[in-house]
Amino acid sequence: MGPSSCLLFLAGSRGEDGCETKARQRNLMPLRSKWFSFGRLVACLVLVFAIVRFTSVILSEFPLATKGDFYMTLPGGYAETLNPTLWNSPDLLIPRLEVRQYFADAERDGARTYLYGPTQFLTLYPMVFLDSYAEIARVILVVYAGLILLACWVISKSFDFVSGGDAVSRRLLIYGSTLLFYPLLQALIQREFEVVILLALSLIYWSAINDKRFALGSLIAYITWFKFLPAVMFPYLIARRWWKAATAFIVMCLAIVGLSELLFGISLFFNRWYFEATATNQLTELASSVAFCRAWAPADSAGTFASIRWGLCGLQAQGFWIPLPFSYFVLGGLTAFFGGLGFWGFEQSSQVSLESERWRRVWETSLVIIIYSTFFRSHYYYLSALIIPLVALLVRATSGATIQKPRLALAVLAYALLGAFGLPISVISAVFEVDFWRFYLDHQLYLFGEILLLALVLREYVELSFQVTPSEDKSVPATAGVHST
């Protein structure tokens, strides 16, 4: 859907035999509200700008072999026998040395020990047959760009159940806002596996909305065995009493573990460093304010950490009075309280309309994704997963008979804060003569976006839970699906 198509969409015309008759035009005028025309114009402009920027990123990065976590998760010891040329490639020497620093002396063979779960290695297994890191980087850049476009399509299909608003503007907005989202662009630039995770998440939304429970459970298991935090979605399946999805989760987990043992050796994924990073850093450092912010460092030396915890420590380092970890626990407690309140509200209704049930699943899935993407250890590109909750807010605000302008404005503000304001970092830095990326991280602007997004989703969820009423013609039990699958 390119710029030329936007001209047709702006007019709202289907081009029936050239021009419509004057009588037909008069009949259609009430349907062509000013917002539809203006909305399509804005959506088209966003999409055109997004396409230009997305394309420029691909063209500028194709000749390069950049770093990122992918730099340290290249094919492991299995490459030594499958492709000796790759194993002995000189451009793999530095990545191996990078990996070695994370392990104790007894585990120093970083080339055969893995930093993350087996999902990434199973998915990217075919890249072992390429002969150098540079080839891998180029191929993955092209493949990941295609996966992002596929994710846009899946997200768009997920919201096909929305009957209100302008469907054309909605699709344009979904594609444009997704392609322009800077955490996702950063993930693409660095060839991060989070691009694949975004596609899996978009399929999770689609599966939940359309009640494809076996697919839902399988996909949750798939993303869980990447960095394990998505395991928090499993209790949600139990709470909804979706036993087929829970069973699929367990079956897929067993399949992933079995295949990983066959191809790699599953024990290599459970090294001491990983347990220290996930258990010690995430849990035991919550004991005091000193331990809570022990690992915090300024942006120039800390890279791209962008979790709620990291942001709170950053604000405290600037001199703001923020009791930690008390504030962190309060935010988590409020999230749990309002999330539980919304869940209770839905459970008290014996039946809900089909559309309300689908929106319920959107908000519940969004809450789980926001929690595991922001409350724990998180790099900035992890926030690419938040584009789907943001899109949901934009769709919700524009899908009624009239635009909900305050909610739309707040959703756009959350998008801007999380997406580094949507403009190229180099352009903003040149205009304001400041290192904008460092300014953005040093002032924890992402933190305000994360909290605002969380608050907006909680509001939508709780409000909807107390508005549901039984529908005489189209209703389903609150714990049932849209249809059996």
Foldseek 3Di string as FASTA:
>chain_A
DALVVLVVQLVVDPQDVHDDDPVVVVVCVVVNDPCSNVLSVVLNVLLHVLVVVLVVLLVVQLQDLDADVVLQAPQAPLLVPVPVLAVPPPQNPVSLVVQQVLADPVLNRSRQFGQWFCLVCVVCVVVSPDRYSSVVLNVLLVVLSVLLVVLLVLLLVLPPVQDFFDSVSLSSNSNSLLSLFQLQSVCSSNSHCVSVVSSLLSVLLSCQLQVVQLSNLLSLLSVCRTHNLSVVCLVVCVVLVVVNSNVSNVVNNVVSQVVCCVSRNRVSHDGPSNCCQPPVLFPVLQPAPCSLCVPADACVPPPFWFALSNLLSLVVVVPDDDHPPVVLVVLVVVLVVLVVLLVVLLQVAFKFFSVLLSVLSQLVSLLSLLCSAHSGTHGLSSCSSNSSLLSSQCCVQRRDPDGPVVSNVLSVQLSCLSRVNSDDQVVVCVVVVHNSVSVSVSNSSNSVSSSSSSVSSSVVSNVSSNVTDHDPPGMDGSSDHNDHD
